[in-house]
């Protein structure tokens, strides 16, 4: 981890219960670096190492863990300590953690929280996943329009230490979330928006890679069970197998032609390869457009893609066909009608 503390030395100090040495060695590390090292330990040892950190460090490190690891560590942390960590978390992060906790864990945690934290968690956790409300935080500062500049500065100075961001909403660091009546209920910060964008891009790639789920979350290499990975992949492979059988059936239907002009069989592989390469190019362009928000899965955008792709593909087909005909003619003597078929 650092020049002062190797992974082996860290585990040795944990085994000896030497938390004071660990606290001194870890005092200068950034929270993200600490989380990286703690995340490499089993949950029971990670919980011990968390106790070596200062209370301020504990909450800062905890938010860098994934939900599953947070829950695993929570099983080894005393309820008052866990409640303090949750209280120190940002509003949206503790709402996400709350959703991931079991019913028993919620029942254990809730009495240890202050009334304000309870109500805030319940309100934010009530928004369904995939909505803007589920990504927003109620940790923001507001100014009344009738305030003077001096009053506004004093107000922000008083609230800034306890809020997630005090920057404006015009293409900078946060977006305001309003009710239909125009009342401000929260903000979505830039880091949360980036996380949502990354998740959406990953979902798009999963669907184009034939690993997207028709229902529920998409496959995750670490989080999905073996049974779920098997079932989802089997569905897509079965669908692709059906199309494969149709293709084979079509080729088999040309058996008489292939028997009469055996040279055509030699061109089946490059033609299929060319189709696959062309499809990959088209898919890449569509994935990029969807990632940038230019396209969505709707009939209007599908028709738009077809109108753009068909002329391009027709032109590419003519050029590549001419190239193959030239190469085939240079390589060996082939009847003109064969070249036209190819």
C-alpha atoms as a PDB file:
ATOM      1  CA  UNK A   1       0.000   0.000   0.000  1.00  0.00           C
ATOM      2  CA  UNK A   2       2.718   2.553   0.962  1.00  0.00           C
ATOM      3  CA  UNK A   3       6.440   2.417   1.648  1.00  0.00           C
ATOM      4  CA  UNK A   4       5.573   2.453   5.370  1.00  0.00           C
ATOM      5  CA  UNK A   5       3.156  -0.458   5.384  1.00  0.00           C
ATOM      6  CA  UNK A   6       3.086  -3.512   3.123  1.00  0.00           C
ATOM      7  CA  UNK A   7       0.028  -5.727   2.772  1.00  0.00           C
ATOM      8  CA  UNK A   8       1.716  -8.445   4.830  1.00  0.00           C
ATOM      9  CA  UNK A   9       2.670  -6.006   7.599  1.00  0.00           C
ATOM     10  CA  UNK A  10      -0.851  -4.595   7.617  1.00  0.00           C
ATOM     11  CA  UNK A  11      -2.396  -8.029   8.179  1.00  0.00           C
ATOM     12  CA  UNK A  12       0.201  -8.838  10.812  1.00  0.00           C
ATOM     13  CA  UNK A  13      -0.660  -5.707  12.800  1.00  0.00           C
ATOM     14  CA  UNK A  14      -4.359  -6.557  12.449  1.00  0.00           C
ATOM     15  CA  UNK A  15      -3.750 -10.047  13.818  1.00  0.00           C
ATOM     16  CA  UNK A  16      -1.878  -8.551  16.789  1.00  0.00           C
ATOM     17  CA  UNK A  17      -4.559  -5.935  17.386  1.00  0.00           C
ATOM     18  CA  UNK A  18      -1.990  -3.150  17.005  1.00  0.00           C
ATOM     19  CA  UNK A  19      -4.470  -0.493  15.856  1.00  0.00           C
ATOM     20  CA  UNK A  20      -2.363   2.441  17.078  1.00  0.00           C
ATOM     21  CA  UNK A  21       0.507   1.631  14.683  1.00  0.00           C
ATOM     22  CA  UNK A  22      -1.965   1.188  11.845  1.00  0.00           C
ATOM     23  CA  UNK A  23      -3.635   4.528  12.582  1.00  0.00           C
ATOM     24  CA  UNK A  24      -0.284   6.343  12.506  1.00  0.00           C
ATOM     25  CA  UNK A  25       0.792   4.631   9.278  1.00  0.00           C
ATOM     26  CA  UNK A  26      -2.512   5.323   7.497  1.00  0.00           C
ATOM     27  CA  UNK A  27      -3.064   8.865   8.738  1.00  0.00           C
ATOM     28  CA  UNK A  28      -1.681  10.604   5.629  1.00  0.00           C
ATOM     29  CA  UNK A  29      -3.290   8.400   2.981  1.00  0.00           C
ATOM     30  CA  UNK A  30      -6.133   9.706   0.826  1.00  0.00           C
ATOM     31  CA  UNK A  31      -9.528   8.109   1.451  1.00  0.00           C
ATOM     32  CA  UNK A  32      -9.617   6.557  -2.039  1.00  0.00           C
ATOM     33  CA  UNK A  33      -6.224   4.903  -1.494  1.00  0.00           C
ATOM     34  CA  UNK A  34      -7.327   3.646   1.902  1.00  0.00           C
ATOM     35  CA  UNK A  35     -10.497   2.184   0.383  1.00  0.00           C
ATOM     36  CA  UNK A  36      -8.442   0.417  -2.270  1.00  0.00           C
ATOM     37  CA  UNK A  37      -6.369  -1.330   0.400  1.00  0.00           C
ATOM     38  CA  UNK A  38      -9.267  -2.093   2.735  1.00  0.00           C
ATOM     39  CA  UNK A  39     -11.294  -3.458  -0.188  1.00  0.00           C
ATOM     40  CA  UNK A  40      -8.647  -6.121  -0.768  1.00  0.00           C
ATOM     41  CA  UNK A  41      -9.217  -7.652   2.678  1.00  0.00           C
ATOM     42  CA  UNK A  42     -11.922 -10.085   3.825  1.00  0.00           C
ATOM     43  CA  UNK A  43     -14.884  -8.204   5.361  1.00  0.00           C
ATOM     44  CA  UNK A  44     -13.989  -9.248   8.930  1.00  0.00           C
ATOM     45  CA  UNK A  45     -10.416  -7.949   8.600  1.00  0.00           C
ATOM     46  CA  UNK A  46     -11.599  -4.849   6.740  1.00  0.00           C
ATOM     47  CA  UNK A  47     -13.904  -4.035   9.668  1.00  0.00           C
ATOM     48  CA  UNK A  48     -10.958  -4.336  12.070  1.00  0.00           C
ATOM     49  CA  UNK A  49      -8.888  -1.991   9.919  1.00  0.00           C
ATOM     50  CA  UNK A  50     -11.785   0.479   9.801  1.00  0.00           C
ATOM     51  CA  UNK A  51     -11.626   0.662  13.599  1.00  0.00           C
ATOM     52  CA  UNK A  52      -7.998   1.803  13.296  1.00  0.00           C
ATOM     53  CA  UNK A  53      -9.118   4.862  11.335  1.00  0.00           C
ATOM     54  CA  UNK A  54     -10.393   8.079  12.804  1.00  0.00           C
ATOM     55  CA  UNK A  55     -14.196   8.575  12.739  1.00  0.00           C
ATOM     56  CA  UNK A  56     -13.818  11.140   9.932  1.00  0.00           C
ATOM     57  CA  UNK A  57     -11.709   8.717   7.884  1.00  0.00           C
ATOM     58  CA  UNK A  58     -14.144   5.860   8.401  1.00  0.00           C
ATOM     59  CA  UNK A  59     -17.078   7.615   6.747  1.00  0.00           C
ATOM     60  CA  UNK A  60     -14.932   8.968   3.897  1.00  0.00           C
ATOM     61  CA  UNK A  61     -13.443   5.542   3.165  1.00  0.00           C
ATOM     62  CA  UNK A  62     -16.756   3.701   3.489  1.00  0.00           C
ATOM     63  CA  UNK A  63     -18.401   5.587   0.616  1.00  0.00           C
ATOM     64  CA  UNK A  64     -15.762   4.317  -1.832  1.00  0.00           C
ATOM     65  CA  UNK A  65     -16.825   0.690  -1.331  1.00  0.00           C
ATOM     66  CA  UNK A  66     -19.431  -0.985  -3.496  1.00  0.00           C
ATOM     67  CA  UNK A  67     -22.846  -1.726  -1.910  1.00  0.00           C
ATOM     68  CA  UNK A  68     -22.113  -5.444  -1.449  1.00  0.00           C
ATOM     69  CA  UNK A  69     -18.838  -4.792   0.364  1.00  0.00           C
ATOM     70  CA  UNK A  70     -20.467  -2.067   2.468  1.00  0.00           C
ATOM     71  CA  UNK A  71     -23.108  -4.523   3.638  1.00  0.00           C
ATOM     72  CA  UNK A  72     -20.520  -7.236   4.294  1.00  0.00           C
ATOM     73  CA  UNK A  73     -18.445  -4.875   6.464  1.00  0.00           C
ATOM     74  CA  UNK A  74     -21.538  -3.605   8.274  1.00  0.00           C
ATOM     75  CA  UNK A  75     -22.112  -7.108   9.676  1.00  0.00           C
ATOM     76  CA  UNK A  76     -18.827  -6.781  11.579  1.00  0.00           C
ATOM     77  CA  UNK A  77     -19.284  -3.198  12.840  1.00  0.00           C
ATOM     78  CA  UNK A  78     -21.070  -2.274  16.065  1.00  0.00           C
ATOM     79  CA  UNK A  79     -24.448  -0.615  15.524  1.00  0.00           C
ATOM     80  CA  UNK A  80     -23.479   2.787  17.019  1.00  0.00           C
ATOM     81  CA  UNK A  81     -20.343   2.949  14.849  1.00  0.00           C
ATOM     82  CA  UNK A  82     -22.285   1.949  11.742  1.00  0.00           C
ATOM     83  CA  UNK A  83     -24.965   4.535  12.508  1.00  0.00           C
ATOM     84  CA  UNK A  84     -22.318   7.238  12.836  1.00  0.00           C
ATOM     85  CA  UNK A  85     -20.777   6.255   9.491  1.00  0.00           C
ATOM     86  CA  UNK A  86     -24.187   6.332   7.798  1.00  0.00           C
ATOM     87  CA  UNK A  87     -24.972   9.713   9.368  1.00  0.00           C
ATOM     88  CA  UNK A  88     -21.732  11.175   7.996  1.00  0.00           C
ATOM     89  CA  UNK A  89     -22.398   9.883   4.462  1.00  0.00           C
ATOM     90  CA  UNK A  90     -23.881  12.209   1.864  1.00  0.00           C
ATOM     91  CA  UNK A  91     -27.660  12.089   1.584  1.00  0.00           C
ATOM     92  CA  UNK A  92     -27.865  10.232  -1.734  1.00  0.00           C
ATOM     93  CA  UNK A  93     -25.139   7.724  -0.814  1.00  0.00           C
ATOM     94  CA  UNK A  94     -26.823   6.665   2.405  1.00  0.00           C
ATOM     95  CA  UNK A  95     -30.157   6.353   0.584  1.00  0.00           C
ATOM     96  CA  UNK A  96     -28.493   3.983  -1.913  1.00  0.00           C
ATOM     97  CA  UNK A  97     -27.020   1.985   0.970  1.00  0.00           C
ATOM     98  CA  UNK A  98     -30.417   1.837   2.643  1.00  0.00           C
ATOM     99  CA  UNK A  99     -31.954   0.273  -0.466  1.00  0.00           C
ATOM    100  CA  UNK A 100     -29.267  -2.426  -0.479  1.00  0.00           C
ATOM    101  CA  UNK A 101     -29.732  -3.384   3.208  1.00  0.00           C
ATOM    102  CA  UNK A 102     -31.913  -6.308   4.212  1.00  0.00           C
ATOM    103  CA  UNK A 103     -35.075  -5.796   6.251  1.00  0.00           C
ATOM    104  CA  UNK A 104     -33.315  -7.021   9.394  1.00  0.00           C
ATOM    105  CA  UNK A 105     -30.348  -4.679   8.834  1.00  0.00           C
ATOM    106  CA  UNK A 106     -32.690  -1.728   8.336  1.00  0.00           C
ATOM    107  CA  UNK A 107     -34.554  -2.572  11.532  1.00  0.00           C
ATOM    108  CA  UNK A 108     -31.246  -2.702  13.409  1.00  0.00           C
ATOM    109  CA  UNK A 109     -29.885   0.535  11.958  1.00  0.00           C
ATOM    110  CA  UNK A 110     -32.965   2.765  12.043  1.00  0.00           C
ATOM    111  CA  UNK A 111     -33.279   3.218  15.847  1.00  0.00           C
ATOM    112  CA  UNK A 112     -29.636   4.357  16.016  1.00  0.00           C
ATOM    113  CA  UNK A 113     -30.193   7.229  13.563  1.00  0.00           C
ATOM    114  CA  UNK A 114     -31.453  10.681  14.398  1.00  0.00           C
ATOM    115  CA  UNK A 115     -34.983  11.593  13.329  1.00  0.00           C
ATOM    116  CA  UNK A 116     -33.750  13.968  10.594  1.00  0.00           C
ATOM    117  CA  UNK A 117     -31.592  11.254   9.016  1.00  0.00           C
ATOM    118  CA  UNK A 118     -34.438   8.734   9.171  1.00  0.00           C
ATOM    119  CA  UNK A 119     -36.865  11.014   7.348  1.00  0.00           C
ATOM    120  CA  UNK A 120     -34.278  12.027   4.762  1.00  0.00           C
ATOM    121  CA  UNK A 121     -33.418   8.382   3.998  1.00  0.00           C
ATOM    122  CA  UNK A 122     -37.065   7.395   3.709  1.00  0.00           C
ATOM    123  CA  UNK A 123     -37.843  10.287   1.370  1.00  0.00           C
ATOM    124  CA  UNK A 124     -34.895   9.703  -0.981  1.00  0.00           C
ATOM    125  CA  UNK A 125     -35.212   5.903  -0.923  1.00  0.00           C
ATOM    126  CA  UNK A 126     -38.869   6.183  -1.959  1.00  0.00           C
ATOM    127  CA  UNK A 127     -37.937   7.172  -5.516  1.00  0.00           C
ATOM    128  CA  UNK A 128     -37.841   4.131  -7.875  1.00  0.00           C
ATOM    129  CA  UNK A 129     -34.508   3.120  -9.411  1.00  0.00           C
ATOM    130  CA  UNK A 130     -33.944   4.665 -12.825  1.00  0.00           C
ATOM    131  CA  UNK A 131     -35.662   7.941 -11.933  1.00  0.00           C
ATOM    132  CA  UNK A 132     -33.947  11.277 -11.383  1.00  0.00           C
ATOM    133  CA  UNK A 133     -35.169  11.301  -7.797  1.00  0.00           C
ATOM    134  CA  UNK A 134     -33.210   8.133  -7.067  1.00  0.00           C
ATOM    135  CA  UNK A 135     -29.969   9.864  -8.132  1.00  0.00           C
ATOM    136  CA  UNK A 136     -30.500  13.238  -6.481  1.00  0.00           C
ATOM    137  CA  UNK A 137     -29.338  14.444  -3.073  1.00  0.00           C
ATOM    138  CA  UNK A 138     -31.165  16.735  -0.676  1.00  0.00           C
ATOM    139  CA  UNK A 139     -27.796  18.069   0.493  1.00  0.00           C
ATOM    140  CA  UNK A 140     -27.879  21.517  -1.127  1.00  0.00           C
ATOM    141  CA  UNK A 141     -27.803  25.204  -0.259  1.00  0.00           C
ATOM    142  CA  UNK A 142     -30.384  27.749  -1.436  1.00  0.00           C
ATOM    143  CA  UNK A 143     -30.607  31.534  -1.460  1.00  0.00           C
ATOM    144  CA  UNK A 144     -33.718  33.668  -1.186  1.00  0.00           C
ATOM    145  CA  UNK A 145     -34.076  36.234  -4.016  1.00  0.00           C
ATOM    146  CA  UNK A 146     -34.540  39.101  -1.563  1.00  0.00           C
ATOM    147  CA  UNK A 147     -31.160  38.504   0.147  1.00  0.00           C
ATOM    148  CA  UNK A 148     -28.431  41.093  -0.195  1.00  0.00           C
ATOM    149  CA  UNK A 149     -25.023  40.006  -1.484  1.00  0.00           C
ATOM    150  CA  UNK A 150     -23.577  40.170   2.029  1.00  0.00           C
ATOM    151  CA  UNK A 151     -26.440  38.089   3.436  1.00  0.00           C
ATOM    152  CA  UNK A 152     -26.056  35.537   0.656  1.00  0.00           C
ATOM    153  CA  UNK A 153     -22.301  35.166   1.259  1.00  0.00           C
ATOM    154  CA  UNK A 154     -22.831  34.807   5.007  1.00  0.00           C
ATOM    155  CA  UNK A 155     -25.558  32.218   4.423  1.00  0.00           C
ATOM    156  CA  UNK A 156     -23.369  30.153   2.091  1.00  0.00           C
ATOM    157  CA  UNK A 157     -20.443  30.331   4.487  1.00  0.00           C
ATOM    158  CA  UNK A 158     -22.664  28.925   7.193  1.00  0.00           C
ATOM    159  CA  UNK A 159     -24.118  26.109   5.047  1.00  0.00           C
ATOM    160  CA  UNK A 160     -21.199  25.253   2.706  1.00  0.00           C
ATOM    161  CA  UNK A 161     -19.333  22.900   5.097  1.00  0.00           C
ATOM    162  CA  UNK A 162     -22.413  20.671   5.358  1.00  0.00           C
ATOM    163  CA  UNK A 163     -23.585  20.669   1.730  1.00  0.00           C
ATOM    164  CA  UNK A 164     -22.380  18.624  -1.225  1.00  0.00           C
ATOM    165  CA  UNK A 165     -21.938  21.534  -3.624  1.00  0.00           C
ATOM    166  CA  UNK A 166     -22.774  25.239  -3.729  1.00  0.00           C
ATOM    167  CA  UNK A 167     -22.047  25.830  -7.398  1.00  0.00           C
ATOM    168  CA  UNK A 168     -24.747  27.000  -9.837  1.00  0.00           C
ATOM    169  CA  UNK A 169     -26.802  24.812 -12.194  1.00  0.00           C
ATOM    170  CA  UNK A 170     -25.806  26.214 -15.566  1.00  0.00           C
ATOM    171  CA  UNK A 171     -23.675  23.510 -17.203  1.00  0.00           C
ATOM    172  CA  UNK A 172     -21.252  23.317 -14.266  1.00  0.00           C
ATOM    173  CA  UNK A 173     -21.483  20.852 -11.382  1.00  0.00           C
ATOM    174  CA  UNK A 174     -25.137  20.210 -10.515  1.00  0.00           C
ATOM    175  CA  UNK A 175     -28.672  20.145 -11.895  1.00  0.00           C
ATOM    176  CA  UNK A 176     -31.716  21.245  -9.870  1.00  0.00           C
ATOM    177  CA  UNK A 177     -34.592  18.788  -9.462  1.00  0.00           C
ATOM    178  CA  UNK A 178     -38.013  20.429  -9.243  1.00  0.00           C
ATOM    179  CA  UNK A 179     -41.528  19.210  -8.549  1.00  0.00           C
ATOM    180  CA  UNK A 180     -44.275  19.870 -11.099  1.00  0.00           C
ATOM    181  CA  UNK A 181     -45.107  22.941  -9.019  1.00  0.00           C
ATOM    182  CA  UNK A 182     -41.589  24.314  -9.410  1.00  0.00           C
ATOM    183  CA  UNK A 183     -40.418  23.589  -5.854  1.00  0.00           C
ATOM    184  CA  UNK A 184     -36.749  22.589  -5.429  1.00  0.00           C
ATOM    185  CA  UNK A 185     -36.433  19.138  -3.831  1.00  0.00           C
ATOM    186  CA  UNK A 186     -32.817  18.224  -4.577  1.00  0.00           C
ATOM    187  CA  UNK A 187     -29.886  18.308  -6.973  1.00  0.00           C
ATOM    188  CA  UNK A 188     -28.038  15.768  -9.113  1.00  0.00           C
ATOM    189  CA  UNK A 189     -24.300  16.334  -8.882  1.00  0.00           C
ATOM    190  CA  UNK A 190     -21.815  15.826 -11.692  1.00  0.00           C
ATOM    191  CA  UNK A 191     -20.253  12.681 -10.215  1.00  0.00           C
ATOM    192  CA  UNK A 192     -23.657  11.001  -9.921  1.00  0.00           C
ATOM    193  CA  UNK A 193     -24.532  12.001 -13.486  1.00  0.00           C
ATOM    194  CA  UNK A 194     -21.266  10.453 -14.693  1.00  0.00           C
ATOM    195  CA  UNK A 195     -22.057   7.238 -12.800  1.00  0.00           C
ATOM    196  CA  UNK A 196     -25.468   7.089 -14.467  1.00  0.00           C
ATOM    197  CA  UNK A 197     -23.849   7.671 -17.866  1.00  0.00           C
ATOM    198  CA  UNK A 198     -21.340   4.883 -17.288  1.00  0.00           C
ATOM    199  CA  UNK A 199     -24.096   2.502 -16.224  1.00  0.00           C
ATOM    200  CA  UNK A 200     -26.170   3.369 -19.302  1.00  0.00           C
ATOM    201  CA  UNK A 201     -23.167   2.824 -21.597  1.00  0.00           C
ATOM    202  CA  UNK A 202     -22.452  -0.520 -19.962  1.00  0.00           C
ATOM    203  CA  UNK A 203     -26.087  -1.567 -20.444  1.00  0.00           C
ATOM    204  CA  UNK A 204     -25.952  -0.579 -24.122  1.00  0.00           C
ATOM    205  CA  UNK A 205     -22.776  -2.588 -24.667  1.00  0.00           C
ATOM    206  CA  UNK A 206     -24.327  -5.576 -22.897  1.00  0.00           C
ATOM    207  CA  UNK A 207     -27.328  -5.535 -25.203  1.00  0.00           C
ATOM    208  CA  UNK A 208     -25.268  -5.236 -28.372  1.00  0.00           C
ATOM    209  CA  UNK A 209     -22.942  -7.937 -27.042  1.00  0.00           C
ATOM    210  CA  UNK A 210     -25.876 -10.334 -26.552  1.00  0.00           C
ATOM    211  CA  UNK A 211     -25.526 -10.389 -22.750  1.00  0.00           C
ATOM    212  CA  UNK A 212     -28.316  -7.970 -21.809  1.00  0.00           C
ATOM    213  CA  UNK A 213     -31.186  -9.294 -19.699  1.00  0.00           C
ATOM    214  CA  UNK A 214     -34.801  -8.986 -20.840  1.00  0.00           C
ATOM    215  CA  UNK A 215     -35.849  -8.488 -17.199  1.00  0.00           C
ATOM    216  CA  UNK A 216     -33.891  -7.326 -14.167  1.00  0.00           C
ATOM    217  CA  UNK A 217     -30.320  -6.083 -14.048  1.00  0.00           C
ATOM    218  CA  UNK A 218     -27.857  -6.859 -16.821  1.00  0.00           C
ATOM    219  CA  UNK A 219     -25.127  -9.405 -16.195  1.00  0.00           C
ATOM    220  CA  UNK A 220     -22.267  -8.454 -13.919  1.00  0.00           C
ATOM    221  CA  UNK A 221     -19.092 -10.559 -13.836  1.00  0.00           C
ATOM    222  CA  UNK A 222     -18.726 -10.207 -10.061  1.00  0.00           C
ATOM    223  CA  UNK A 223     -22.266  -9.726  -8.889  1.00  0.00           C
ATOM    224  CA  UNK A 224     -24.390 -12.097 -11.006  1.00  0.00           C
ATOM    225  CA  UNK A 225     -24.827 -15.709  -9.937  1.00  0.00           C
ATOM    226  CA  UNK A 226     -23.610 -18.529 -12.181  1.00  0.00           C
ATOM    227  CA  UNK A 227     -27.194 -19.627 -12.764  1.00  0.00           C
ATOM    228  CA  UNK A 228     -28.281 -16.168 -13.933  1.00  0.00           C
ATOM    229  CA  UNK A 229     -25.246 -15.819 -16.231  1.00  0.00           C
ATOM    230  CA  UNK A 230     -26.073 -19.221 -17.736  1.00  0.00           C
ATOM    231  CA  UNK A 231     -29.762 -18.456 -18.261  1.00  0.00           C
ATOM    232  CA  UNK A 232     -29.293 -15.018 -19.849  1.00  0.00           C
ATOM    233  CA  UNK A 233     -26.531 -16.156 -22.190  1.00  0.00           C
ATOM    234  CA  UNK A 234     -28.488 -19.284 -23.134  1.00  0.00           C
ATOM    235  CA  UNK A 235     -31.472 -17.183 -24.239  1.00  0.00           C
ATOM    236  CA  UNK A 236     -29.342 -15.075 -26.588  1.00  0.00           C
ATOM    237  CA  UNK A 237     -27.395 -18.062 -27.942  1.00  0.00           C
ATOM    238  CA  UNK A 238     -30.680 -19.850 -28.653  1.00  0.00           C
ATOM    239  CA  UNK A 239     -31.960 -16.849 -30.619  1.00  0.00           C
ATOM    240  CA  UNK A 240     -28.688 -16.588 -32.562  1.00  0.00           C
ATOM    241  CA  UNK A 241     -28.792 -20.340 -33.237  1.00  0.00           C
ATOM    242  CA  UNK A 242     -32.207 -19.944 -34.873  1.00  0.00           C
ATOM    243  CA  UNK A 243     -30.822 -17.314 -37.251  1.00  0.00           C
ATOM    244  CA  UNK A 244     -27.820 -19.554 -37.885  1.00  0.00           C
ATOM    245  CA  UNK A 245     -30.062 -22.458 -38.874  1.00  0.00           C
ATOM    246  CA  UNK A 246     -31.972 -20.173 -41.267  1.00  0.00           C
ATOM    247  CA  UNK A 247     -28.669 -19.141 -42.888  1.00  0.00           C
ATOM    248  CA  UNK A 248     -27.494 -22.741 -43.183  1.00  0.00           C
ATOM    249  CA  UNK A 249     -30.840 -23.721 -44.652  1.00  0.00           C
ATOM    250  CA  UNK A 250     -30.551 -21.025 -47.306  1.00  0.00           C
ATOM    251  CA  UNK A 251     -27.028 -22.123 -48.264  1.00  0.00           C
ATOM    252  CA  UNK A 252     -28.101 -25.775 -48.328  1.00  0.00           C
ATOM    253  CA  UNK A 253     -30.918 -24.800 -50.684  1.00  0.00           C
ATOM    254  CA  UNK A 254     -28.302 -23.699 -53.196  1.00  0.00           C
ATOM    255  CA  UNK A 255     -26.689 -27.147 -53.233  1.00  0.00           C
ATOM    256  CA  UNK A 256     -27.451 -27.753 -56.897  1.00  0.00           C
ATOM    257  CA  UNK A 257     -25.900 -24.438 -57.914  1.00  0.00           C
ATOM    258  CA  UNK A 258     -22.841 -25.017 -55.717  1.00  0.00           C
ATOM    259  CA  UNK A 259     -22.395 -28.524 -57.157  1.00  0.00           C
ATOM    260  CA  UNK A 260     -22.546 -27.160 -60.703  1.00  0.00           C
ATOM    261  CA  UNK A 261     -20.216 -24.237 -59.995  1.00  0.00           C
ATOM    262  CA  UNK A 262     -18.006 -25.423 -57.126  1.00  0.00           C
ATOM    263  CA  UNK A 263     -15.904 -22.253 -57.273  1.00  0.00           C
ATOM    264  CA  UNK A 264     -18.773 -20.364 -55.602  1.00  0.00           C
ATOM    265  CA  UNK A 265     -18.239 -22.341 -52.396  1.00  0.00           C
ATOM    266  CA  UNK A 266     -14.794 -20.803 -52.034  1.00  0.00           C
ATOM    267  CA  UNK A 267     -16.344 -17.358 -51.712  1.00  0.00           C
ATOM    268  CA  UNK A 268     -18.902 -18.246 -49.000  1.00  0.00           C
ATOM    269  CA  UNK A 269     -16.467 -17.594 -46.114  1.00  0.00           C
ATOM    270  CA  UNK A 270     -15.251 -14.141 -47.272  1.00  0.00           C
ATOM    271  CA  UNK A 271     -18.808 -13.066 -48.035  1.00  0.00           C
ATOM    272  CA  UNK A 272     -19.959 -14.076 -44.538  1.00  0.00           C
ATOM    273  CA  UNK A 273     -16.909 -12.382 -43.008  1.00  0.00           C
ATOM    274  CA  UNK A 274     -17.674  -9.200 -44.932  1.00  0.00           C
ATOM    275  CA  UNK A 275     -21.231  -9.240 -43.613  1.00  0.00           C
ATOM    276  CA  UNK A 276     -19.968  -9.623 -40.049  1.00  0.00           C
ATOM    277  CA  UNK A 277     -17.432  -6.815 -40.439  1.00  0.00           C
ATOM    278  CA  UNK A 278     -20.039  -4.500 -41.935  1.00  0.00           C
ATOM    279  CA  UNK A 279     -22.433  -5.299 -39.111  1.00  0.00           C
ATOM    280  CA  UNK A 280     -19.732  -4.547 -36.534  1.00  0.00           C
ATOM    281  CA  UNK A 281     -19.094  -1.147 -38.130  1.00  0.00           C
ATOM    282  CA  UNK A 282     -22.797  -0.296 -38.079  1.00  0.00           C
ATOM    283  CA  UNK A 283     -23.201  -1.524 -34.504  1.00  0.00           C
ATOM    284  CA  UNK A 284     -20.231   0.556 -33.342  1.00  0.00           C
ATOM    285  CA  UNK A 285     -21.696   3.720 -34.845  1.00  0.00           C
ATOM    286  CA  UNK A 286     -25.103   3.034 -33.307  1.00  0.00           C
ATOM    287  CA  UNK A 287     -23.602   2.269 -29.865  1.00  0.00           C
ATOM    288  CA  UNK A 288     -21.648   5.524 -29.973  1.00  0.00           C
ATOM    289  CA  UNK A 289     -24.760   7.486 -30.951  1.00  0.00           C
ATOM    290  CA  UNK A 290     -26.762   5.896 -28.126  1.00  0.00           C
ATOM    291  CA  UNK A 291     -23.966   6.603 -25.615  1.00  0.00           C
ATOM    292  CA  UNK A 292     -24.002  10.270 -26.659  1.00  0.00           C
ATOM    293  CA  UNK A 293     -27.783  10.433 -26.351  1.00  0.00           C
ATOM    294  CA  UNK A 294     -28.313  10.912 -30.099  1.00  0.00           C
ATOM    295  CA  UNK A 295     -30.406   7.735 -30.488  1.00  0.00           C
ATOM    296  CA  UNK A 296     -32.888   5.778 -28.387  1.00  0.00           C
ATOM    297  CA  UNK A 297     -34.582   2.412 -28.782  1.00  0.00           C
ATOM    298  CA  UNK A 298     -37.691   3.683 -30.561  1.00  0.00           C
ATOM    299  CA  UNK A 299     -39.262   3.300 -33.992  1.00  0.00           C
ATOM    300  CA  UNK A 300     -38.368   6.831 -35.163  1.00  0.00           C
ATOM    301  CA  UNK A 301     -34.657   6.345 -34.475  1.00  0.00           C
ATOM    302  CA  UNK A 302     -34.631   2.838 -35.980  1.00  0.00           C
ATOM    303  CA  UNK A 303     -36.071   4.254 -39.206  1.00  0.00           C
ATOM    304  CA  UNK A 304     -33.488   7.064 -39.094  1.00  0.00           C
ATOM    305  CA  UNK A 305     -30.646   4.537 -38.845  1.00  0.00           C
ATOM    306  CA  UNK A 306     -32.043   2.531 -41.754  1.00  0.00           C
ATOM    307  CA  UNK A 307     -32.313   5.626 -43.951  1.00  0.00           C
ATOM    308  CA  UNK A 308     -28.701   6.527 -43.153  1.00  0.00           C
ATOM    309  CA  UNK A 309     -27.237   3.028 -43.445  1.00  0.00           C
ATOM    310  CA  UNK A 310     -28.934   1.582 -46.535  1.00  0.00           C
ATOM    311  CA  UNK A 311     -27.405   4.062 -49.056  1.00  0.00           C
ATOM    312  CA  UNK A 312     -23.973   3.755 -47.431  1.00  0.00           C
ATOM    313  CA  UNK A 313     -24.123  -0.037 -47.395  1.00  0.00           C
ATOM    314  CA  UNK A 314     -25.285  -0.139 -51.016  1.00  0.00           C
ATOM    315  CA  UNK A 315     -22.297   1.965 -52.035  1.00  0.00           C
ATOM    316  CA  UNK A 316     -19.915  -0.120 -49.956  1.00  0.00           C
ATOM    317  CA  UNK A 317     -21.348  -3.284 -51.477  1.00  0.00           C
ATOM    318  CA  UNK A 318     -20.719  -2.064 -55.019  1.00  0.00           C
ATOM    319  CA  UNK A 319     -17.144  -0.972 -54.287  1.00  0.00           C
ATOM    320  CA  UNK A 320     -16.188  -4.119 -52.368  1.00  0.00           C
ATOM    321  CA  UNK A 321     -17.834  -6.349 -54.981  1.00  0.00           C
ATOM    322  CA  UNK A 322     -15.816  -4.652 -57.713  1.00  0.00           C
ATOM    323  CA  UNK A 323     -12.647  -5.084 -55.662  1.00  0.00           C
ATOM    324  CA  UNK A 324     -13.320  -8.791 -55.116  1.00  0.00           C
ATOM    325  CA  UNK A 325     -14.039  -9.288 -58.810  1.00  0.00           C
ATOM    326  CA  UNK A 326     -10.721  -7.678 -59.735  1.00  0.00           C
ATOM    327  CA  UNK A 327      -8.815  -9.749 -57.177  1.00  0.00           C
ATOM    328  CA  UNK A 328     -10.538 -12.949 -58.275  1.00  0.00           C
ATOM    329  CA  UNK A 329      -9.756 -12.257 -61.940  1.00  0.00           C
ATOM    330  CA  UNK A 330      -6.101 -11.608 -61.173  1.00  0.00           C
ATOM    331  CA  UNK A 331      -5.845 -14.758 -59.100  1.00  0.00           C
ATOM    332  CA  UNK A 332      -7.317 -17.250 -61.533  1.00  0.00           C
ATOM    333  CA  UNK A 333      -9.556 -17.575 -64.546  1.00  0.00           C
ATOM    334  CA  UNK A 334     -13.189 -17.414 -63.470  1.00  0.00           C
ATOM    335  CA  UNK A 335     -16.232 -17.220 -65.689  1.00  0.00           C
ATOM    336  CA  UNK A 336     -17.782 -13.720 -65.853  1.00  0.00           C
ATOM    337  CA  UNK A 337     -21.187 -14.995 -64.679  1.00  0.00           C
ATOM    338  CA  UNK A 338     -19.543 -16.370 -61.518  1.00  0.00           C
ATOM    339  CA  UNK A 339     -18.065 -12.973 -60.780  1.00  0.00           C
ATOM    340  CA  UNK A 340     -21.474 -11.362 -61.234  1.00  0.00           C
ATOM    341  CA  UNK A 341     -23.004 -13.809 -58.742  1.00  0.00           C
ATOM    342  CA  UNK A 342     -20.263 -13.099 -56.229  1.00  0.00           C
END
